[in-house]
Amino acid sequence: MPLIPCPECQKQISSAAEACPSCGLPNPARDKGECAPASAPAALPKEDVSCQFPLVSIEAKDSFEATHLISQHLNRIRAAGWDIGGAVARGGINEYKIESAKQKATLRFDLRPTLQLGVPRSLIATHTLMAGIPGLTEEKINELKRRNLETMRLLYPQQKPGWMIFLLLLGFGVFVFLASLLYFTRLR
């Protein structure tokens, strides 16, 4: 079984593989023996114009702000006539597949600056992948943020500040001291 380059990602794949394990493109070498039904017109391959879309760096204070920034980019792309396809998050980079009638591309967003600010990777991945959902507005993102904060308050009730605990312990210590002093003065 010889290795052939994948037409999509150029990585080496087996000629017997059903699809590229890296990008998921069906293996064209495997389809050579099969032909499309006569009634279906052959689809013309779309030109990959990913190089026209540079990597966009996203630096946000939380995952919701990052979602908002990515959503703004994707909404501009939609307004230009592109459809947003699948999304993948790996290694701090989110990739969104887009295509128009004759072209296709991969939009890439670098979320590593946001991760360096201490935003948890799991929240970044979960929230920012939602940015590709059509109709996601700033109001919906803010509603999601509000609900998330309410859930966090229920799961992790806020603890009293350290100085309050110190004052409570100090007050308890003074009470025990005075009570023991009163107890021992009565014994005499």
N, C-alpha and C. Protein backbone atom coordinates (compact mmCIF):
# COMPACT_ATOMS: atom_id res chain seq x y z
N MET A 1 0.84 -1.18 0.00
CA MET A 1 0.00 0.00 0.00
C MET A 1 0.89 1.24 0.00
N PRO A 2 0.96 1.94 -1.11
CA PRO A 2 1.80 3.15 -1.18
C PRO A 2 1.14 4.32 -0.43
N LEU A 3 1.98 5.25 -0.04
CA LEU A 3 1.50 6.47 0.61
C LEU A 3 1.32 7.54 -0.45
N ILE A 4 0.25 8.30 -0.30
CA ILE A 4 -0.04 9.39 -1.23
C ILE A 4 -0.29 10.65 -0.42
N PRO A 5 -0.07 11.85 -1.00
CA PRO A 5 -0.37 13.08 -0.25
C PRO A 5 -1.87 13.36 -0.27
N CYS A 6 -2.40 13.79 0.86
CA CYS A 6 -3.80 14.18 0.94
C CYS A 6 -3.97 15.49 0.15
N PRO A 7 -4.97 15.58 -0.72
CA PRO A 7 -5.16 16.81 -1.49
C PRO A 7 -5.53 18.02 -0.62
N GLU A 8 -6.09 17.76 0.55
CA GLU A 8 -6.53 18.85 1.43
C GLU A 8 -5.39 19.38 2.30
N CYS A 9 -4.75 18.47 3.07
CA CYS A 9 -3.76 18.93 4.05
C CYS A 9 -2.32 18.55 3.68
N GLN A 10 -2.13 17.81 2.61
CA GLN A 10 -0.82 17.43 2.09
C GLN A 10 -0.05 16.46 2.98
N LYS A 11 -0.70 15.87 4.00
CA LYS A 11 -0.04 14.87 4.82
C LYS A 11 -0.11 13.53 4.11
N GLN A 12 0.86 12.65 4.37
CA GLN A 12 0.92 11.35 3.73
C GLN A 12 -0.13 10.41 4.32
N ILE A 13 -0.91 9.76 3.44
CA ILE A 13 -1.92 8.79 3.88
C ILE A 13 -1.79 7.53 3.03
N SER A 14 -2.31 6.45 3.54
CA SER A 14 -2.30 5.19 2.80
C SER A 14 -3.30 5.28 1.65
N SER A 15 -2.94 4.68 0.52
CA SER A 15 -3.86 4.70 -0.63
C SER A 15 -5.09 3.85 -0.35
N ALA A 16 -5.04 2.97 0.66
CA ALA A 16 -6.17 2.13 1.00
C ALA A 16 -7.07 2.76 2.07
N ALA A 17 -6.65 3.87 2.68
CA ALA A 17 -7.45 4.50 3.74
C ALA A 17 -8.73 5.08 3.16
N GLU A 18 -9.81 5.00 3.94
CA GLU A 18 -11.09 5.55 3.49
C GLU A 18 -11.06 7.07 3.46
N ALA A 19 -10.39 7.66 4.44
CA ALA A 19 -10.32 9.11 4.54
C ALA A 19 -9.00 9.49 5.20
N CYS A 20 -8.62 10.75 5.04
CA CYS A 20 -7.41 11.25 5.66
C CYS A 20 -7.61 11.31 7.18
N PRO A 21 -6.74 10.69 7.98
CA PRO A 21 -6.91 10.75 9.44
C PRO A 21 -6.68 12.14 10.01
N SER A 22 -6.03 13.01 9.27
CA SER A 22 -5.73 14.35 9.77
C SER A 22 -6.89 15.31 9.55
N CYS A 23 -7.39 15.39 8.29
CA CYS A 23 -8.43 16.38 7.99
C CYS A 23 -9.79 15.76 7.68
N GLY A 24 -9.85 14.44 7.46
CA GLY A 24 -11.13 13.79 7.24
C GLY A 24 -11.60 13.77 5.80
N LEU A 25 -10.81 14.29 4.87
CA LEU A 25 -11.19 14.30 3.45
C LEU A 25 -11.24 12.86 2.94
N PRO A 26 -12.34 12.49 2.23
CA PRO A 26 -12.39 11.14 1.66
C PRO A 26 -11.22 10.92 0.71
N ASN A 27 -10.64 9.73 0.73
CA ASN A 27 -9.47 9.40 -0.06
C ASN A 27 -9.85 9.29 -1.54
N PRO A 28 -9.33 10.18 -2.41
CA PRO A 28 -9.70 10.12 -3.82
C PRO A 28 -9.13 8.88 -4.52
N ALA A 29 -8.02 8.33 -4.05
CA ALA A 29 -7.43 7.14 -4.65
C ALA A 29 -8.34 5.93 -4.44
N ARG A 30 -9.05 5.91 -3.35
CA ARG A 30 -9.95 4.80 -3.04
C ARG A 30 -11.22 4.87 -3.89
N ASP A 31 -11.62 6.05 -4.32
CA ASP A 31 -12.85 6.23 -5.08
C ASP A 31 -12.68 6.03 -6.58
N LYS A 32 -11.47 5.72 -7.04
CA LYS A 32 -11.25 5.62 -8.49
C LYS A 32 -12.10 4.54 -9.15
N GLY A 33 -12.40 3.47 -8.44
CA GLY A 33 -13.18 2.39 -9.02
C GLY A 33 -14.66 2.68 -9.06
N GLU A 34 -15.13 3.64 -8.30
CA GLU A 34 -16.56 3.95 -8.22
C GLU A 34 -16.84 5.21 -9.02
N CYS A 35 -18.05 5.29 -9.57
CA CYS A 35 -18.42 6.52 -10.27
C CYS A 35 -19.70 7.06 -9.68
N ALA A 36 -19.89 8.34 -9.83
CA ALA A 36 -21.07 9.00 -9.29
C ALA A 36 -22.29 8.64 -10.14
N PRO A 37 -23.47 8.66 -9.55
CA PRO A 37 -24.68 8.39 -10.33
C PRO A 37 -24.80 9.37 -11.50
N ALA A 38 -25.35 8.91 -12.61
CA ALA A 38 -25.44 9.73 -13.81
C ALA A 38 -26.32 10.96 -13.61
N SER A 39 -27.30 10.88 -12.72
CA SER A 39 -28.21 12.01 -12.53
C SER A 39 -27.58 13.14 -11.73
N ALA A 40 -26.55 12.84 -10.93
CA ALA A 40 -25.93 13.87 -10.10
C ALA A 40 -24.80 14.54 -10.87
N PRO A 41 -24.84 15.87 -11.00
CA PRO A 41 -23.74 16.56 -11.69
C PRO A 41 -22.48 16.49 -10.85
N ALA A 42 -21.35 16.37 -11.52
CA ALA A 42 -20.08 16.32 -10.82
C ALA A 42 -19.79 17.68 -10.20
N ALA A 43 -19.46 17.67 -8.91
CA ALA A 43 -19.15 18.92 -8.22
C ALA A 43 -17.74 19.35 -8.57
N LEU A 44 -17.61 20.61 -8.91
CA LEU A 44 -16.29 21.15 -9.22
C LEU A 44 -15.54 21.38 -7.92
N PRO A 45 -14.26 21.07 -7.89
CA PRO A 45 -13.50 21.32 -6.66
C PRO A 45 -13.44 22.82 -6.39
N LYS A 46 -13.55 23.15 -5.12
CA LYS A 46 -13.50 24.56 -4.72
C LYS A 46 -12.06 24.98 -4.48
N GLU A 47 -11.77 26.19 -4.87
CA GLU A 47 -10.43 26.74 -4.69
C GLU A 47 -10.21 27.06 -3.21
N ASP A 48 -9.09 26.57 -2.67
CA ASP A 48 -8.75 26.84 -1.27
C ASP A 48 -8.04 28.19 -1.19
N VAL A 49 -8.66 29.13 -0.51
CA VAL A 49 -8.11 30.48 -0.38
C VAL A 49 -7.76 30.80 1.08
N SER A 50 -7.40 29.78 1.83
CA SER A 50 -7.07 29.96 3.26
C SER A 50 -5.95 30.97 3.47
N CYS A 51 -5.03 31.05 2.50
CA CYS A 51 -3.91 31.98 2.65
C CYS A 51 -4.36 33.44 2.64
N GLN A 52 -5.57 33.72 2.17
CA GLN A 52 -6.08 35.09 2.18
C GLN A 52 -6.62 35.50 3.55
N PHE A 53 -6.72 34.53 4.46
CA PHE A 53 -7.23 34.80 5.80
C PHE A 53 -6.11 34.55 6.80
N PRO A 54 -5.45 35.61 7.28
CA PRO A 54 -4.34 35.41 8.22
C PRO A 54 -4.84 34.94 9.59
N LEU A 55 -3.92 34.36 10.36
CA LEU A 55 -4.20 33.94 11.73
C LEU A 55 -4.57 35.18 12.55
N VAL A 56 -5.71 35.11 13.25
CA VAL A 56 -6.19 36.23 14.06
C VAL A 56 -5.88 35.95 15.52
N SER A 57 -5.12 36.83 16.15
CA SER A 57 -4.78 36.67 17.56
C SER A 57 -5.91 37.24 18.42
N ILE A 58 -6.34 36.46 19.41
CA ILE A 58 -7.43 36.87 20.31
C ILE A 58 -6.88 36.95 21.72
N GLU A 59 -6.88 38.16 22.28
CA GLU A 59 -6.49 38.36 23.68
C GLU A 59 -7.69 38.91 24.41
N ALA A 60 -8.26 38.09 25.29
CA ALA A 60 -9.48 38.46 26.00
C ALA A 60 -9.32 38.15 27.48
N LYS A 61 -10.07 38.87 28.32
CA LYS A 61 -9.96 38.67 29.77
C LYS A 61 -10.70 37.42 30.24
N ASP A 62 -11.68 36.95 29.44
CA ASP A 62 -12.38 35.71 29.78
C ASP A 62 -12.88 35.04 28.51
N SER A 63 -13.42 33.84 28.66
CA SER A 63 -13.84 33.06 27.50
C SER A 63 -15.02 33.69 26.79
N PHE A 64 -15.84 34.45 27.50
CA PHE A 64 -17.00 35.08 26.88
C PHE A 64 -16.58 36.23 25.97
N GLU A 65 -15.60 36.99 26.41
CA GLU A 65 -15.08 38.07 25.56
C GLU A 65 -14.43 37.48 24.30
N ALA A 66 -13.70 36.37 24.47
CA ALA A 66 -13.08 35.71 23.32
C ALA A 66 -14.16 35.22 22.35
N THR A 67 -15.23 34.66 22.88
CA THR A 67 -16.35 34.20 22.04
C THR A 67 -16.94 35.37 21.27
N HIS A 68 -17.10 36.50 21.94
CA HIS A 68 -17.66 37.69 21.30
C HIS A 68 -16.75 38.16 20.15
N LEU A 69 -15.45 38.21 20.38
CA LEU A 69 -14.52 38.66 19.35
C LEU A 69 -14.53 37.73 18.13
N ILE A 70 -14.52 36.43 18.37
CA ILE A 70 -14.56 35.47 17.26
C ILE A 70 -15.89 35.57 16.53
N SER A 71 -16.97 35.70 17.28
CA SER A 71 -18.30 35.82 16.67
C SER A 71 -18.39 37.04 15.76
N GLN A 72 -17.78 38.15 16.16
CA GLN A 72 -17.77 39.34 15.31
C GLN A 72 -17.08 39.05 13.97
N HIS A 73 -15.93 38.37 14.02
CA HIS A 73 -15.20 38.01 12.79
C HIS A 73 -16.07 37.11 11.91
N LEU A 74 -16.67 36.08 12.53
CA LEU A 74 -17.46 35.13 11.75
C LEU A 74 -18.70 35.78 11.16
N ASN A 75 -19.31 36.72 11.88
CA ASN A 75 -20.49 37.41 11.34
C ASN A 75 -20.12 38.28 10.13
N ARG A 76 -18.92 38.88 10.15
CA ARG A 76 -18.47 39.64 8.97
C ARG A 76 -18.27 38.70 7.78
N ILE A 77 -17.75 37.51 8.04
CA ILE A 77 -17.55 36.52 6.98
C ILE A 77 -18.90 36.08 6.42
N ARG A 78 -19.87 35.83 7.30
CA ARG A 78 -21.23 35.46 6.85
C ARG A 78 -21.83 36.56 5.98
N ALA A 79 -21.64 37.80 6.41
CA ALA A 79 -22.20 38.94 5.66
C ALA A 79 -21.59 39.04 4.27
N ALA A 80 -20.38 38.52 4.09
CA ALA A 80 -19.72 38.54 2.79
C ALA A 80 -20.14 37.35 1.92
N GLY A 81 -21.08 36.52 2.41
CA GLY A 81 -21.61 35.43 1.60
C GLY A 81 -21.00 34.06 1.84
N TRP A 82 -20.23 33.91 2.90
CA TRP A 82 -19.61 32.63 3.22
C TRP A 82 -20.49 31.85 4.19
N ASP A 83 -20.44 30.53 4.09
CA ASP A 83 -21.10 29.65 5.06
C ASP A 83 -20.05 29.16 6.04
N ILE A 84 -20.43 29.08 7.32
CA ILE A 84 -19.52 28.60 8.36
C ILE A 84 -19.82 27.11 8.56
N GLY A 85 -18.78 26.30 8.48
CA GLY A 85 -18.93 24.85 8.66
C GLY A 85 -18.47 24.43 10.03
N GLY A 86 -17.79 23.31 10.10
CA GLY A 86 -17.33 22.76 11.37
C GLY A 86 -16.23 23.58 12.01
N ALA A 87 -16.06 23.34 13.30
CA ALA A 87 -15.03 24.05 14.07
C ALA A 87 -14.25 23.04 14.89
N VAL A 88 -12.96 23.33 15.08
CA VAL A 88 -12.08 22.46 15.85
C VAL A 88 -11.19 23.35 16.72
N ALA A 89 -10.96 22.91 17.95
CA ALA A 89 -10.04 23.62 18.85
C ALA A 89 -8.93 22.67 19.23
N ARG A 90 -7.68 23.06 18.95
CA ARG A 90 -6.54 22.23 19.34
C ARG A 90 -5.31 23.12 19.54
N GLY A 91 -4.65 22.88 20.64
CA GLY A 91 -3.40 23.59 20.92
C GLY A 91 -3.54 25.09 21.04
N GLY A 92 -4.69 25.58 21.48
CA GLY A 92 -4.89 27.02 21.61
C GLY A 92 -5.26 27.71 20.31
N ILE A 93 -5.49 26.94 19.24
CA ILE A 93 -5.89 27.50 17.95
C ILE A 93 -7.27 26.95 17.60
N ASN A 94 -8.21 27.83 17.32
CA ASN A 94 -9.53 27.42 16.83
C ASN A 94 -9.54 27.55 15.32
N GLU A 95 -10.07 26.54 14.65
CA GLU A 95 -10.19 26.57 13.19
C GLU A 95 -11.65 26.42 12.82
N TYR A 96 -12.11 27.27 11.91
CA TYR A 96 -13.48 27.24 11.42
C TYR A 96 -13.43 27.06 9.91
N LYS A 97 -14.09 26.03 9.40
CA LYS A 97 -14.15 25.80 7.95
C LYS A 97 -15.23 26.71 7.38
N ILE A 98 -14.88 27.42 6.30
CA ILE A 98 -15.85 28.28 5.63
C ILE A 98 -15.83 27.96 4.15
N GLU A 99 -16.95 28.21 3.47
CA GLU A 99 -16.97 28.02 2.02
C GLU A 99 -18.05 28.90 1.39
N SER A 100 -17.75 29.26 0.15
CA SER A 100 -18.71 29.99 -0.67
C SER A 100 -19.02 29.10 -1.87
N ALA A 101 -19.66 29.65 -2.87
CA ALA A 101 -20.04 28.85 -4.04
C ALA A 101 -18.82 28.25 -4.75
N LYS A 102 -17.72 28.99 -4.81
CA LYS A 102 -16.57 28.53 -5.59
C LYS A 102 -15.29 28.39 -4.77
N GLN A 103 -15.32 28.82 -3.51
CA GLN A 103 -14.09 28.82 -2.72
C GLN A 103 -14.32 28.19 -1.35
N LYS A 104 -13.23 27.77 -0.75
CA LYS A 104 -13.26 27.27 0.61
C LYS A 104 -12.02 27.79 1.33
N ALA A 105 -12.09 27.81 2.64
CA ALA A 105 -10.95 28.30 3.42
C ALA A 105 -11.08 27.81 4.86
N THR A 106 -10.01 27.99 5.60
CA THR A 106 -10.00 27.70 7.03
C THR A 106 -9.62 28.98 7.74
N LEU A 107 -10.51 29.45 8.61
CA LEU A 107 -10.21 30.61 9.45
C LEU A 107 -9.55 30.10 10.71
N ARG A 108 -8.48 30.75 11.13
CA ARG A 108 -7.74 30.32 12.31
C ARG A 108 -7.65 31.47 13.31
N PHE A 109 -7.99 31.16 14.57
CA PHE A 109 -7.92 32.14 15.65
C PHE A 109 -6.96 31.62 16.71
N ASP A 110 -5.97 32.44 17.05
CA ASP A 110 -4.96 32.09 18.04
C ASP A 110 -5.43 32.56 19.42
N LEU A 111 -5.80 31.61 20.27
CA LEU A 111 -6.30 31.94 21.61
C LEU A 111 -5.22 31.79 22.68
N ARG A 112 -3.98 31.55 22.27
CA ARG A 112 -2.90 31.40 23.25
C ARG A 112 -2.68 32.65 24.09
N PRO A 113 -2.83 33.88 23.53
CA PRO A 113 -2.70 35.06 24.41
C PRO A 113 -3.75 35.07 25.53
N THR A 114 -4.96 34.61 25.24
CA THR A 114 -6.00 34.54 26.27
C THR A 114 -5.66 33.47 27.29
N LEU A 115 -5.15 32.33 26.82
CA LEU A 115 -4.76 31.26 27.75
C LEU A 115 -3.63 31.72 28.66
N GLN A 116 -2.72 32.55 28.15
CA GLN A 116 -1.61 33.05 28.96
C GLN A 116 -2.09 33.99 30.07
N LEU A 117 -3.28 34.55 29.90
CA LEU A 117 -3.84 35.41 30.94
C LEU A 117 -4.49 34.61 32.06
N GLY A 118 -4.50 33.28 31.92
CA GLY A 118 -5.03 32.42 32.97
C GLY A 118 -6.44 31.93 32.76
N VAL A 119 -7.03 32.18 31.60
CA VAL A 119 -8.37 31.68 31.33
C VAL A 119 -8.28 30.17 31.11
N PRO A 120 -9.10 29.37 31.80
CA PRO A 120 -9.01 27.91 31.67
C PRO A 120 -9.24 27.43 30.23
N ARG A 121 -8.40 26.50 29.81
CA ARG A 121 -8.47 25.95 28.44
C ARG A 121 -9.84 25.33 28.16
N SER A 122 -10.43 24.64 29.14
CA SER A 122 -11.72 23.99 28.90
C SER A 122 -12.82 25.01 28.62
N LEU A 123 -12.80 26.15 29.33
CA LEU A 123 -13.80 27.18 29.08
C LEU A 123 -13.59 27.83 27.72
N ILE A 124 -12.34 28.06 27.36
CA ILE A 124 -12.03 28.64 26.05
C ILE A 124 -12.57 27.73 24.96
N ALA A 125 -12.26 26.45 25.03
CA ALA A 125 -12.69 25.52 23.99
C ALA A 125 -14.20 25.43 23.93
N THR A 126 -14.85 25.30 25.07
CA THR A 126 -16.31 25.15 25.10
C THR A 126 -17.02 26.39 24.58
N HIS A 127 -16.66 27.55 25.09
CA HIS A 127 -17.38 28.76 24.73
C HIS A 127 -17.06 29.27 23.33
N THR A 128 -15.79 29.24 22.95
CA THR A 128 -15.44 29.84 21.65
C THR A 128 -15.90 29.00 20.47
N LEU A 129 -16.03 27.69 20.64
CA LEU A 129 -16.53 26.88 19.52
C LEU A 129 -17.99 27.21 19.22
N MET A 130 -18.70 27.77 20.20
CA MET A 130 -20.08 28.20 19.98
C MET A 130 -20.16 29.44 19.10
N ALA A 131 -19.06 30.13 18.91
CA ALA A 131 -19.06 31.37 18.13
C ALA A 131 -19.52 31.13 16.70
N GLY A 132 -19.40 29.91 16.20
CA GLY A 132 -19.81 29.61 14.84
C GLY A 132 -21.31 29.43 14.67
N ILE A 133 -22.06 29.43 15.76
CA ILE A 133 -23.51 29.25 15.67
C ILE A 133 -24.13 30.50 15.04
N PRO A 134 -24.95 30.31 13.99
CA PRO A 134 -25.59 31.48 13.37
C PRO A 134 -26.51 32.19 14.37
N GLY A 135 -26.53 33.50 14.31
CA GLY A 135 -27.41 34.29 15.17
C GLY A 135 -26.89 34.52 16.57
N LEU A 136 -25.66 34.13 16.86
CA LEU A 136 -25.10 34.37 18.19
C LEU A 136 -24.80 35.86 18.31
N THR A 137 -25.49 36.53 19.21
CA THR A 137 -25.33 37.97 19.38
C THR A 137 -24.64 38.27 20.71
N GLU A 138 -24.26 39.52 20.87
CA GLU A 138 -23.63 39.94 22.12
C GLU A 138 -24.58 39.74 23.30
N GLU A 139 -25.88 39.98 23.08
CA GLU A 139 -26.86 39.80 24.14
C GLU A 139 -26.93 38.34 24.57
N LYS A 140 -26.88 37.41 23.61
CA LYS A 140 -26.93 35.99 23.95
C LYS A 140 -25.66 35.56 24.68
N ILE A 141 -24.52 36.11 24.29
CA ILE A 141 -23.26 35.80 24.97
C ILE A 141 -23.32 36.32 26.41
N ASN A 142 -23.85 37.53 26.60
CA ASN A 142 -23.97 38.10 27.95
C ASN A 142 -24.95 37.29 28.80
N GLU A 143 -26.02 36.78 28.20
CA GLU A 143 -26.97 35.94 28.93
C GLU A 143 -26.30 34.63 29.35
N LEU A 144 -25.51 34.06 28.46
CA LEU A 144 -24.76 32.85 28.79
C LEU A 144 -23.79 33.11 29.93
N LYS A 145 -23.12 34.25 29.90
CA LYS A 145 -22.18 34.62 30.96
C LYS A 145 -22.90 34.77 32.29
N ARG A 146 -24.06 35.44 32.27
CA ARG A 146 -24.84 35.63 33.51
C ARG A 146 -25.26 34.29 34.09
N ARG A 147 -25.75 33.40 33.25
CA ARG A 147 -26.18 32.08 33.73
C ARG A 147 -25.00 31.26 34.24
N ASN A 148 -23.88 31.39 33.58
CA ASN A 148 -22.68 30.68 34.04
C ASN A 148 -22.26 31.16 35.43
N LEU A 149 -22.30 32.49 35.65
CA LEU A 149 -21.94 33.04 36.96
C LEU A 149 -22.91 32.57 38.04
N GLU A 150 -24.22 32.51 37.70
CA GLU A 150 -25.20 32.02 38.68
C GLU A 150 -24.92 30.57 39.05
N THR A 151 -24.59 29.77 38.06
CA THR A 151 -24.29 28.36 38.31
C THR A 151 -23.05 28.23 39.19
N MET A 152 -22.03 29.03 38.91
CA MET A 152 -20.81 28.98 39.72
C MET A 152 -21.09 29.37 41.17
N ARG A 153 -21.98 30.34 41.36
CA ARG A 153 -22.32 30.76 42.74
C ARG A 153 -23.05 29.64 43.48
N LEU A 154 -23.88 28.88 42.75
CA LEU A 154 -24.57 27.76 43.39
C LEU A 154 -23.62 26.63 43.71
N LEU A 155 -22.69 26.35 42.79
CA LEU A 155 -21.76 25.25 42.99
C LEU A 155 -20.69 25.58 44.02
N TYR A 156 -20.23 26.82 44.02
CA TYR A 156 -19.14 27.24 44.91
C TYR A 156 -19.57 28.49 45.66
N PRO A 157 -20.35 28.33 46.74
CA PRO A 157 -20.77 29.52 47.48
C PRO A 157 -19.56 30.28 48.00
N GLN A 158 -19.68 31.57 47.96
CA GLN A 158 -18.53 32.40 48.35
C GLN A 158 -18.25 32.24 49.83
N GLN A 159 -16.98 32.10 50.13
CA GLN A 159 -16.56 31.97 51.50
C GLN A 159 -16.38 33.36 52.10
N LYS A 160 -16.47 33.41 53.42
CA LYS A 160 -16.26 34.68 54.10
C LYS A 160 -14.79 35.08 53.95
N PRO A 161 -14.54 36.35 53.85
CA PRO A 161 -13.15 36.80 53.74
C PRO A 161 -12.34 36.40 54.96
N GLY A 162 -11.04 36.28 54.81
CA GLY A 162 -10.15 35.84 55.87
C GLY A 162 -10.20 36.71 57.11
N TRP A 163 -10.36 38.03 56.96
CA TRP A 163 -10.38 38.90 58.14
C TRP A 163 -11.63 38.68 58.96
N MET A 164 -12.74 38.27 58.30
CA MET A 164 -13.97 37.98 59.05
C MET A 164 -13.77 36.74 59.91
N ILE A 165 -13.12 35.74 59.36
CA ILE A 165 -12.85 34.52 60.12
C ILE A 165 -11.92 34.84 61.29
N PHE A 166 -10.92 35.69 61.03
CA PHE A 166 -10.00 36.10 62.09
C PHE A 166 -10.77 36.80 63.22
N LEU A 167 -11.66 37.72 62.88
CA LEU A 167 -12.44 38.43 63.91
C LEU A 167 -13.35 37.48 64.68
N LEU A 168 -13.95 36.52 63.97
CA LEU A 168 -14.81 35.55 64.66
C LEU A 168 -14.00 34.71 65.64
N LEU A 169 -12.82 34.25 65.22
CA LEU A 169 -11.97 33.47 66.11
C LEU A 169 -11.47 34.30 67.29
N LEU A 170 -11.11 35.55 67.01
CA LEU A 170 -10.67 36.44 68.08
C LEU A 170 -11.80 36.67 69.08
N GLY A 171 -13.01 36.91 68.58
CA GLY A 171 -14.17 37.10 69.47
C GLY A 171 -14.45 35.85 70.29
N PHE A 172 -14.34 34.67 69.64
CA PHE A 172 -14.55 33.42 70.36
C PHE A 172 -13.48 33.24 71.43
N GLY A 173 -12.23 33.59 71.12
CA GLY A 173 -11.14 33.48 72.09
C GLY A 173 -11.36 34.39 73.29
N VAL A 174 -11.80 35.61 73.01
CA VAL A 174 -12.07 36.56 74.10
C VAL A 174 -13.21 36.04 74.96
N PHE A 175 -14.24 35.49 74.33
CA PHE A 175 -15.39 34.94 75.06
C PHE A 175 -14.95 33.79 75.97
N VAL A 176 -14.14 32.87 75.44
CA VAL A 176 -13.65 31.73 76.23
C VAL A 176 -12.80 32.24 77.39
N PHE A 177 -11.95 33.23 77.16
CA PHE A 177 -11.11 33.78 78.22
C PHE A 177 -11.96 34.40 79.32
N LEU A 178 -12.95 35.23 78.94
CA LEU A 178 -13.80 35.86 79.94
C LEU A 178 -14.64 34.83 80.69
N ALA A 179 -15.14 33.82 79.97
CA ALA A 179 -15.96 32.79 80.63
C ALA A 179 -15.12 31.99 81.61
N SER A 180 -13.91 31.64 81.22
CA SER A 180 -13.05 30.88 82.14
C SER A 180 -12.63 31.75 83.33
N LEU A 181 -12.39 33.04 83.11
CA LEU A 181 -12.05 33.95 84.20
C LEU A 181 -13.21 34.04 85.18
N LEU A 182 -14.42 34.16 84.67
CA LEU A 182 -15.60 34.23 85.52
C LEU A 182 -15.80 32.91 86.28
N TYR A 183 -15.56 31.81 85.64
CA TYR A 183 -15.72 30.49 86.26
C TYR A 183 -14.73 30.32 87.39
N PHE A 184 -13.46 30.68 87.15
CA PHE A 184 -12.45 30.49 88.19
C PHE A 184 -12.62 31.49 89.35
N THR A 185 -13.16 32.67 89.09
CA THR A 185 -13.37 33.63 90.21
C THR A 185 -14.52 33.15 91.09
N ARG A 186 -15.47 32.41 90.57
CA ARG A 186 -16.57 31.90 91.39
C ARG A 186 -16.11 30.74 92.25
N LEU A 187 -15.13 29.99 91.80
CA LEU A 187 -14.64 28.87 92.56
C LEU A 187 -13.91 29.32 93.82
N ARG A 188 -13.38 30.43 93.86
CA ARG A 188 -12.61 30.90 95.02
C ARG A 188 -13.47 31.29 96.12
